[in-house]
């Protein structure tokens, strides 16, 4: 007897095909800024295991979603577009053929997406993503601890979007 596997929706519930994403060196400051300026609501966030430093936030501003992640920036930060697709590998290859350049390879992430980062010929950064695994909060935390190199007994403040 084989176990039935549930089909995983390639685009997580609530997301649209394209989501704006901001990369910055200080996610907490960006969240505070958008809360003050636009009344942004924090939908979910992730912190560095064992400390309160926010490394990723998912915000709702009006009827739109925005994600903010900590990362290397050129200046104070940059905006990129996150594109959820049905088949990330096909979209990845098509974009490369069209002239996009790979920034970081398409790979499975600890949060259950197949994702990579590329830059288009005019300089816009795009992350291409496909949800490939549905994870419980506990599974996601275990995978985050492993991916981020932290011991299993450290609690990670992360909610699944």
N, C-alpha and C. Protein backbone atom coordinates (compact mmCIF):
# COMPACT_ATOMS: atom_id res chain seq x y z
N UNK A 1 0.84 -1.17 0.00
CA UNK A 1 0.00 0.00 0.00
C UNK A 1 0.89 1.24 0.00
N UNK A 2 0.60 2.19 -0.87
CA UNK A 2 1.37 3.43 -0.92
C UNK A 2 0.62 4.54 -0.21
N UNK A 3 1.37 5.40 0.43
CA UNK A 3 0.76 6.51 1.15
C UNK A 3 0.32 7.58 0.16
N UNK A 4 -0.86 8.14 0.38
CA UNK A 4 -1.34 9.22 -0.46
C UNK A 4 -0.64 10.51 -0.07
N UNK A 5 -0.14 11.23 -1.05
CA UNK A 5 0.48 12.51 -0.77
C UNK A 5 -0.47 13.61 -1.22
N UNK A 6 -0.62 14.62 -0.37
CA UNK A 6 -1.47 15.74 -0.72
C UNK A 6 -0.73 16.63 -1.70
N UNK A 7 -1.45 17.11 -2.69
CA UNK A 7 -0.87 18.04 -3.64
C UNK A 7 -0.62 19.37 -2.94
N UNK A 8 0.53 19.93 -3.16
CA UNK A 8 0.90 21.20 -2.56
C UNK A 8 0.64 22.30 -3.58
N UNK A 9 -0.13 23.31 -3.19
CA UNK A 9 -0.39 24.44 -4.06
C UNK A 9 0.92 25.19 -4.29
N UNK A 10 1.32 25.42 -5.54
CA UNK A 10 2.60 26.08 -5.81
C UNK A 10 2.64 27.54 -5.38
N UNK A 11 1.49 28.18 -5.25
CA UNK A 11 1.41 29.55 -4.77
C UNK A 11 0.69 29.51 -3.43
N UNK A 12 1.36 29.91 -2.34
CA UNK A 12 0.73 29.84 -1.02
C UNK A 12 -0.57 30.65 -0.95
N UNK A 13 -1.47 30.20 -0.10
CA UNK A 13 -2.76 30.85 0.08
C UNK A 13 -2.56 32.33 0.43
N UNK A 14 -3.30 33.19 -0.25
CA UNK A 14 -3.24 34.61 0.01
C UNK A 14 -2.28 35.38 -0.88
N UNK A 15 -1.28 34.70 -1.41
CA UNK A 15 -0.32 35.36 -2.29
C UNK A 15 -0.89 35.46 -3.70
N UNK A 16 -0.38 36.40 -4.45
CA UNK A 16 -0.67 36.51 -5.87
C UNK A 16 0.58 36.06 -6.60
N UNK A 17 0.54 36.04 -7.91
CA UNK A 17 1.69 35.57 -8.68
C UNK A 17 2.93 36.43 -8.43
N UNK A 18 2.76 37.75 -8.26
CA UNK A 18 3.91 38.63 -8.04
C UNK A 18 3.71 39.40 -6.73
N UNK A 19 4.75 39.39 -5.90
CA UNK A 19 4.73 40.09 -4.63
C UNK A 19 5.95 41.00 -4.55
N UNK A 20 5.77 42.30 -4.26
CA UNK A 20 6.95 43.15 -4.08
C UNK A 20 7.71 42.74 -2.82
N UNK A 21 9.05 42.82 -2.91
CA UNK A 21 9.91 42.42 -1.80
C UNK A 21 11.00 43.47 -1.63
N UNK A 22 11.22 43.86 -0.39
CA UNK A 22 12.27 44.83 -0.07
C UNK A 22 13.37 44.10 0.69
N UNK A 23 14.62 44.32 0.28
CA UNK A 23 15.77 43.79 1.00
C UNK A 23 16.45 44.96 1.69
N UNK A 24 16.75 44.77 2.97
CA UNK A 24 17.36 45.83 3.76
C UNK A 24 18.25 45.23 4.84
N UNK A 25 19.11 46.02 5.41
CA UNK A 25 19.96 45.57 6.49
C UNK A 25 19.26 45.59 7.84
N UNK A 26 18.09 46.26 7.94
CA UNK A 26 17.38 46.36 9.22
C UNK A 26 15.88 46.20 8.98
N UNK A 27 15.41 44.96 9.05
CA UNK A 27 14.01 44.66 8.78
C UNK A 27 13.11 45.33 9.82
N UNK A 28 13.50 45.32 11.09
CA UNK A 28 12.69 45.93 12.15
C UNK A 28 12.42 47.41 11.88
N UNK A 29 13.44 48.12 11.44
CA UNK A 29 13.29 49.55 11.15
C UNK A 29 12.33 49.75 9.97
N UNK A 30 12.45 48.90 8.95
CA UNK A 30 11.56 49.02 7.80
C UNK A 30 10.11 48.74 8.20
N UNK A 31 9.91 47.70 9.04
CA UNK A 31 8.55 47.38 9.51
C UNK A 31 7.97 48.57 10.27
N UNK A 32 8.74 49.14 11.18
CA UNK A 32 8.28 50.30 11.96
C UNK A 32 7.94 51.47 11.06
N UNK A 33 8.78 51.71 10.07
CA UNK A 33 8.55 52.80 9.13
C UNK A 33 7.22 52.62 8.41
N UNK A 34 6.95 51.41 7.89
CA UNK A 34 5.72 51.19 7.12
C UNK A 34 4.49 51.11 8.02
N UNK A 35 4.69 50.71 9.27
CA UNK A 35 3.57 50.76 10.22
C UNK A 35 3.19 52.22 10.49
N UNK A 36 4.19 53.06 10.72
CA UNK A 36 3.94 54.47 11.01
C UNK A 36 3.38 55.21 9.80
N UNK A 37 3.96 54.99 8.65
CA UNK A 37 3.59 55.74 7.45
C UNK A 37 2.29 55.26 6.82
N UNK A 38 2.07 53.94 6.79
CA UNK A 38 0.95 53.39 6.02
C UNK A 38 0.00 52.51 6.83
N UNK A 39 0.23 52.39 8.14
CA UNK A 39 -0.62 51.53 8.96
C UNK A 39 -0.45 50.06 8.63
N UNK A 40 0.74 49.67 8.21
CA UNK A 40 1.01 48.28 7.84
C UNK A 40 0.75 47.35 9.01
N UNK A 41 0.18 46.18 8.70
CA UNK A 41 -0.05 45.13 9.69
C UNK A 41 0.96 44.02 9.44
N UNK A 42 1.57 43.51 10.51
CA UNK A 42 2.49 42.38 10.37
C UNK A 42 1.66 41.11 10.30
N UNK A 43 1.74 40.41 9.16
CA UNK A 43 1.03 39.14 8.97
C UNK A 43 1.84 38.02 9.62
N UNK A 44 3.15 38.03 9.41
CA UNK A 44 4.04 37.06 10.03
C UNK A 44 5.45 37.62 10.01
N UNK A 45 6.30 37.03 10.86
CA UNK A 45 7.70 37.45 10.88
C UNK A 45 8.55 36.29 11.38
N UNK A 46 9.83 36.36 11.08
CA UNK A 46 10.79 35.38 11.56
C UNK A 46 11.94 36.13 12.19
N UNK A 47 12.46 35.56 13.29
CA UNK A 47 13.60 36.17 13.96
C UNK A 47 14.78 35.20 13.92
N UNK A 48 15.95 35.76 14.15
CA UNK A 48 17.14 34.93 14.29
C UNK A 48 16.92 34.06 15.52
N UNK A 49 17.14 32.76 15.43
CA UNK A 49 16.93 31.89 16.59
C UNK A 49 17.72 32.35 17.80
N UNK A 50 17.02 32.51 18.93
CA UNK A 50 17.66 32.87 20.17
C UNK A 50 17.79 34.36 20.43
N UNK A 51 17.48 35.20 19.43
CA UNK A 51 17.53 36.65 19.62
C UNK A 51 16.29 37.27 18.98
N UNK A 52 16.11 38.56 19.18
CA UNK A 52 14.91 39.21 18.68
C UNK A 52 15.10 39.92 17.34
N UNK A 53 16.19 39.69 16.64
CA UNK A 53 16.43 40.34 15.37
C UNK A 53 15.52 39.76 14.29
N UNK A 54 14.67 40.60 13.72
CA UNK A 54 13.76 40.14 12.66
C UNK A 54 14.54 40.02 11.36
N UNK A 55 14.45 38.84 10.71
CA UNK A 55 15.14 38.64 9.44
C UNK A 55 14.18 38.59 8.26
N UNK A 56 12.87 38.47 8.54
CA UNK A 56 11.88 38.45 7.47
C UNK A 56 10.54 38.89 8.03
N UNK A 57 9.83 39.70 7.28
CA UNK A 57 8.49 40.12 7.69
C UNK A 57 7.57 40.11 6.48
N UNK A 58 6.36 39.73 6.75
CA UNK A 58 5.31 39.71 5.74
C UNK A 58 4.26 40.72 6.21
N UNK A 59 4.06 41.80 5.44
CA UNK A 59 3.17 42.88 5.84
C UNK A 59 1.95 42.96 4.94
N UNK A 60 0.89 43.51 5.49
CA UNK A 60 -0.30 43.84 4.71
C UNK A 60 -0.48 45.34 4.82
N UNK A 61 -0.52 46.00 3.67
CA UNK A 61 -0.77 47.44 3.60
C UNK A 61 -2.00 47.61 2.73
N UNK A 62 -3.08 48.07 3.33
CA UNK A 62 -4.35 48.13 2.59
C UNK A 62 -4.75 46.72 2.20
N UNK A 63 -4.97 46.51 0.90
CA UNK A 63 -5.31 45.16 0.43
C UNK A 63 -4.14 44.47 -0.27
N UNK A 64 -2.92 44.97 -0.04
CA UNK A 64 -1.75 44.43 -0.72
C UNK A 64 -0.75 43.84 0.29
N UNK A 65 0.04 42.90 -0.20
CA UNK A 65 1.07 42.27 0.62
C UNK A 65 2.45 42.74 0.18
N UNK A 66 3.34 42.83 1.15
CA UNK A 66 4.73 43.23 0.93
C UNK A 66 5.58 42.35 1.82
N UNK A 67 6.69 41.84 1.29
CA UNK A 67 7.62 41.10 2.13
C UNK A 67 8.91 41.89 2.24
N UNK A 68 9.54 41.77 3.41
CA UNK A 68 10.80 42.46 3.68
C UNK A 68 11.77 41.44 4.25
N UNK A 69 12.97 41.37 3.70
CA UNK A 69 13.96 40.43 4.19
C UNK A 69 15.29 41.10 4.44
N UNK A 70 16.03 40.54 5.38
CA UNK A 70 17.37 41.04 5.67
C UNK A 70 18.33 40.46 4.65
N UNK A 71 19.21 41.30 4.14
CA UNK A 71 20.18 40.81 3.17
C UNK A 71 21.16 41.87 2.78
N UNK A 72 22.07 41.50 1.90
CA UNK A 72 23.07 42.43 1.39
C UNK A 72 22.40 43.45 0.50
N UNK A 73 22.70 44.70 0.73
CA UNK A 73 22.08 45.76 -0.05
C UNK A 73 23.15 46.63 -0.69
N UNK A 74 22.73 47.38 -1.65
CA UNK A 74 23.59 48.36 -2.32
C UNK A 74 22.96 49.70 -2.01
N UNK A 75 23.45 50.37 -0.96
CA UNK A 75 22.78 51.55 -0.44
C UNK A 75 21.86 51.11 0.68
N UNK A 76 20.80 51.86 0.94
CA UNK A 76 19.94 51.54 2.07
C UNK A 76 19.06 50.30 1.85
N UNK A 77 18.89 49.88 0.62
CA UNK A 77 18.06 48.71 0.33
C UNK A 77 17.66 48.71 -1.14
N UNK A 78 16.97 47.67 -1.54
CA UNK A 78 16.47 47.65 -2.91
C UNK A 78 15.16 46.88 -2.94
N UNK A 79 14.40 47.14 -3.98
CA UNK A 79 13.11 46.47 -4.17
C UNK A 79 13.30 45.40 -5.23
N UNK A 80 12.72 44.26 -4.97
CA UNK A 80 12.70 43.20 -5.98
C UNK A 80 11.28 42.68 -6.09
N UNK A 81 11.04 41.85 -7.06
CA UNK A 81 9.73 41.25 -7.24
C UNK A 81 9.84 39.75 -7.01
N UNK A 82 8.92 39.21 -6.22
CA UNK A 82 8.88 37.77 -6.00
C UNK A 82 7.76 37.21 -6.86
N UNK A 83 8.08 36.24 -7.68
CA UNK A 83 7.12 35.69 -8.63
C UNK A 83 6.85 34.22 -8.31
N UNK A 84 5.67 33.93 -7.73
CA UNK A 84 5.25 32.55 -7.51
C UNK A 84 4.69 31.99 -8.80
N UNK A 85 5.14 30.80 -9.16
CA UNK A 85 4.73 30.18 -10.42
C UNK A 85 4.34 28.72 -10.20
N UNK A 86 3.71 28.14 -11.20
CA UNK A 86 3.31 26.73 -11.15
C UNK A 86 4.51 25.80 -11.28
N UNK A 87 5.51 26.18 -12.10
CA UNK A 87 6.69 25.34 -12.33
C UNK A 87 7.93 26.23 -12.36
N UNK A 88 8.60 26.32 -11.21
CA UNK A 88 9.75 27.22 -11.08
C UNK A 88 10.89 26.87 -12.03
N UNK A 89 11.13 25.59 -12.25
CA UNK A 89 12.24 25.18 -13.13
C UNK A 89 12.02 25.65 -14.56
N UNK A 90 10.81 25.50 -15.06
CA UNK A 90 10.50 25.93 -16.43
C UNK A 90 10.60 27.44 -16.53
N UNK A 91 10.02 28.15 -15.57
CA UNK A 91 10.08 29.62 -15.58
C UNK A 91 11.52 30.10 -15.49
N UNK A 92 12.31 29.45 -14.64
CA UNK A 92 13.73 29.79 -14.46
C UNK A 92 14.47 29.69 -15.79
N UNK A 93 14.33 28.55 -16.45
CA UNK A 93 15.02 28.33 -17.73
C UNK A 93 14.55 29.32 -18.79
N UNK A 94 13.25 29.60 -18.82
CA UNK A 94 12.71 30.55 -19.80
C UNK A 94 13.29 31.95 -19.56
N UNK A 95 13.37 32.36 -18.29
CA UNK A 95 13.91 33.68 -17.97
C UNK A 95 15.40 33.77 -18.33
N UNK A 96 16.16 32.71 -18.06
CA UNK A 96 17.58 32.71 -18.44
C UNK A 96 17.73 32.85 -19.95
N UNK A 97 16.91 32.14 -20.70
CA UNK A 97 16.94 32.21 -22.16
C UNK A 97 16.60 33.62 -22.64
N UNK A 98 15.70 34.30 -21.91
CA UNK A 98 15.28 35.65 -22.29
C UNK A 98 16.32 36.71 -21.93
N UNK A 99 17.39 36.33 -21.22
CA UNK A 99 18.44 37.28 -20.90
C UNK A 99 18.63 37.60 -19.43
N UNK A 100 17.84 36.98 -18.54
CA UNK A 100 18.04 37.18 -17.11
C UNK A 100 19.37 36.54 -16.70
N UNK A 101 19.96 37.05 -15.62
CA UNK A 101 21.21 36.50 -15.08
C UNK A 101 20.94 35.92 -13.70
N UNK A 102 21.50 34.75 -13.44
CA UNK A 102 21.35 34.12 -12.13
C UNK A 102 22.14 34.87 -11.07
N UNK A 103 21.50 35.17 -9.96
CA UNK A 103 22.16 35.77 -8.80
C UNK A 103 22.41 34.67 -7.77
N UNK A 104 21.39 33.89 -7.46
CA UNK A 104 21.56 32.70 -6.61
C UNK A 104 20.68 31.59 -7.18
N UNK A 105 21.23 30.40 -7.20
CA UNK A 105 20.62 29.25 -7.89
C UNK A 105 19.25 28.88 -7.33
N UNK A 106 18.44 28.31 -8.18
CA UNK A 106 17.15 27.76 -7.80
C UNK A 106 17.39 26.55 -6.90
N UNK A 107 16.86 26.60 -5.65
CA UNK A 107 17.06 25.48 -4.72
C UNK A 107 15.90 25.44 -3.73
N UNK A 108 15.76 24.29 -3.06
CA UNK A 108 14.71 24.15 -2.05
C UNK A 108 15.12 24.89 -0.78
N UNK A 109 14.19 25.64 -0.22
CA UNK A 109 14.44 26.43 0.98
C UNK A 109 13.90 25.72 2.21
N UNK A 110 14.32 26.18 3.39
CA UNK A 110 13.84 25.55 4.62
C UNK A 110 12.35 25.80 4.85
N UNK A 111 11.79 26.82 4.24
CA UNK A 111 10.37 27.12 4.45
C UNK A 111 9.45 26.39 3.46
N UNK A 112 10.03 25.57 2.59
CA UNK A 112 9.21 24.72 1.72
C UNK A 112 9.01 25.21 0.31
N UNK A 113 9.76 26.20 -0.10
CA UNK A 113 9.66 26.70 -1.48
C UNK A 113 10.89 26.28 -2.27
N UNK A 114 10.71 26.12 -3.56
CA UNK A 114 11.82 26.03 -4.50
C UNK A 114 12.01 27.47 -4.96
N UNK A 115 13.20 28.05 -4.76
CA UNK A 115 13.37 29.47 -5.01
C UNK A 115 14.79 29.80 -5.46
N UNK A 116 14.90 30.80 -6.31
CA UNK A 116 16.18 31.34 -6.74
C UNK A 116 16.04 32.82 -7.03
N UNK A 117 17.17 33.51 -7.14
CA UNK A 117 17.19 34.95 -7.39
C UNK A 117 17.90 35.23 -8.70
N UNK A 118 17.30 36.10 -9.51
CA UNK A 118 17.89 36.49 -10.78
C UNK A 118 17.71 37.99 -10.99
N UNK A 119 18.46 38.51 -11.95
CA UNK A 119 18.37 39.92 -12.30
C UNK A 119 18.02 40.01 -13.78
N UNK A 120 17.07 40.89 -14.10
CA UNK A 120 16.70 41.02 -15.51
C UNK A 120 17.66 41.98 -16.21
N UNK A 121 17.59 42.07 -17.54
CA UNK A 121 18.54 42.90 -18.28
C UNK A 121 18.50 44.39 -17.93
N UNK A 122 17.41 44.87 -17.31
CA UNK A 122 17.37 46.29 -16.92
C UNK A 122 17.73 46.50 -15.45
N UNK A 123 18.11 45.41 -14.75
CA UNK A 123 18.61 45.53 -13.39
C UNK A 123 17.60 45.23 -12.29
N UNK A 124 16.37 44.85 -12.62
CA UNK A 124 15.39 44.51 -11.60
C UNK A 124 15.68 43.09 -11.11
N UNK A 125 15.70 42.92 -9.78
CA UNK A 125 15.92 41.58 -9.20
C UNK A 125 14.58 40.88 -9.04
N UNK A 126 14.58 39.61 -9.41
CA UNK A 126 13.40 38.77 -9.32
C UNK A 126 13.75 37.50 -8.55
N UNK A 127 12.90 37.14 -7.61
CA UNK A 127 13.01 35.80 -7.03
C UNK A 127 11.86 35.00 -7.64
N UNK A 128 12.19 33.81 -8.08
CA UNK A 128 11.21 32.90 -8.67
C UNK A 128 10.93 31.83 -7.63
N UNK A 129 9.68 31.58 -7.33
CA UNK A 129 9.36 30.62 -6.29
C UNK A 129 8.18 29.73 -6.62
N UNK A 130 8.21 28.55 -6.03
CA UNK A 130 7.13 27.58 -6.14
C UNK A 130 7.05 26.85 -4.81
N UNK A 131 5.89 26.85 -4.17
CA UNK A 131 5.72 26.09 -2.93
C UNK A 131 5.74 24.62 -3.30
N UNK A 132 6.68 23.87 -2.70
CA UNK A 132 6.81 22.45 -3.01
C UNK A 132 6.53 21.55 -1.82
N UNK A 133 6.42 22.16 -0.62
CA UNK A 133 6.22 21.36 0.57
C UNK A 133 5.35 22.14 1.55
N UNK A 134 4.30 21.51 2.04
CA UNK A 134 3.47 22.11 3.08
C UNK A 134 4.03 21.67 4.42
N UNK A 135 4.42 22.62 5.26
CA UNK A 135 5.07 22.32 6.53
C UNK A 135 4.25 22.84 7.69
N UNK A 136 4.23 22.09 8.78
CA UNK A 136 3.64 22.60 10.01
C UNK A 136 4.62 23.62 10.60
N UNK A 137 4.16 24.39 11.57
CA UNK A 137 5.05 25.37 12.21
C UNK A 137 6.24 24.66 12.85
N UNK A 138 6.01 23.50 13.49
CA UNK A 138 7.10 22.75 14.12
C UNK A 138 8.11 22.27 13.08
N UNK A 139 7.63 21.74 11.95
CA UNK A 139 8.53 21.29 10.89
C UNK A 139 9.35 22.45 10.35
N UNK A 140 8.69 23.58 10.15
CA UNK A 140 9.38 24.75 9.62
C UNK A 140 10.45 25.22 10.60
N UNK A 141 10.13 25.24 11.89
CA UNK A 141 11.11 25.65 12.89
C UNK A 141 12.30 24.70 12.93
N UNK A 142 12.04 23.40 12.85
CA UNK A 142 13.14 22.43 12.84
C UNK A 142 14.04 22.64 11.63
N UNK A 143 13.43 22.85 10.48
CA UNK A 143 14.21 23.07 9.26
C UNK A 143 14.98 24.39 9.32
N UNK A 144 14.39 25.43 9.92
CA UNK A 144 15.07 26.72 10.06
C UNK A 144 16.27 26.58 10.98
N UNK A 145 16.10 25.88 12.10
CA UNK A 145 17.22 25.67 13.03
C UNK A 145 18.38 25.00 12.32
N UNK A 146 18.06 23.97 11.56
CA UNK A 146 19.10 23.23 10.84
C UNK A 146 19.76 24.12 9.79
N UNK A 147 18.95 24.83 9.01
CA UNK A 147 19.48 25.67 7.93
C UNK A 147 20.30 26.84 8.46
N UNK A 148 19.90 27.38 9.61
CA UNK A 148 20.58 28.54 10.16
C UNK A 148 21.66 28.16 11.16
N UNK A 149 21.84 26.84 11.38
CA UNK A 149 22.92 26.36 12.23
C UNK A 149 22.72 26.59 13.71
N UNK A 150 21.47 26.43 14.18
CA UNK A 150 21.19 26.64 15.59
C UNK A 150 20.73 25.34 16.24
N UNK A 151 20.97 25.20 17.54
CA UNK A 151 20.58 23.97 18.24
C UNK A 151 19.07 23.77 18.25
N UNK A 152 18.66 22.52 18.41
CA UNK A 152 17.25 22.17 18.38
C UNK A 152 16.45 22.77 19.53
N UNK A 153 17.07 23.15 20.64
CA UNK A 153 16.31 23.65 21.77
C UNK A 153 16.08 25.15 21.74
N UNK A 154 16.49 25.84 20.66
CA UNK A 154 16.26 27.27 20.53
C UNK A 154 14.93 27.49 19.83
N UNK A 155 14.07 28.29 20.42
CA UNK A 155 12.75 28.57 19.85
C UNK A 155 12.88 29.62 18.75
N UNK A 156 12.22 29.40 17.63
CA UNK A 156 12.21 30.35 16.53
C UNK A 156 10.82 30.94 16.46
N UNK A 157 10.74 32.27 16.44
CA UNK A 157 9.46 32.95 16.36
C UNK A 157 9.11 33.09 14.88
N UNK A 158 8.33 32.13 14.37
CA UNK A 158 7.96 32.17 12.96
C UNK A 158 6.53 31.67 12.82
N UNK A 159 5.77 32.40 12.04
CA UNK A 159 4.42 31.97 11.72
C UNK A 159 4.38 31.64 10.25
N UNK A 160 3.63 30.64 9.90
CA UNK A 160 3.52 30.24 8.50
C UNK A 160 2.46 31.06 7.82
N UNK A 161 2.84 31.64 6.68
CA UNK A 161 1.89 32.43 5.90
C UNK A 161 1.00 31.53 5.10
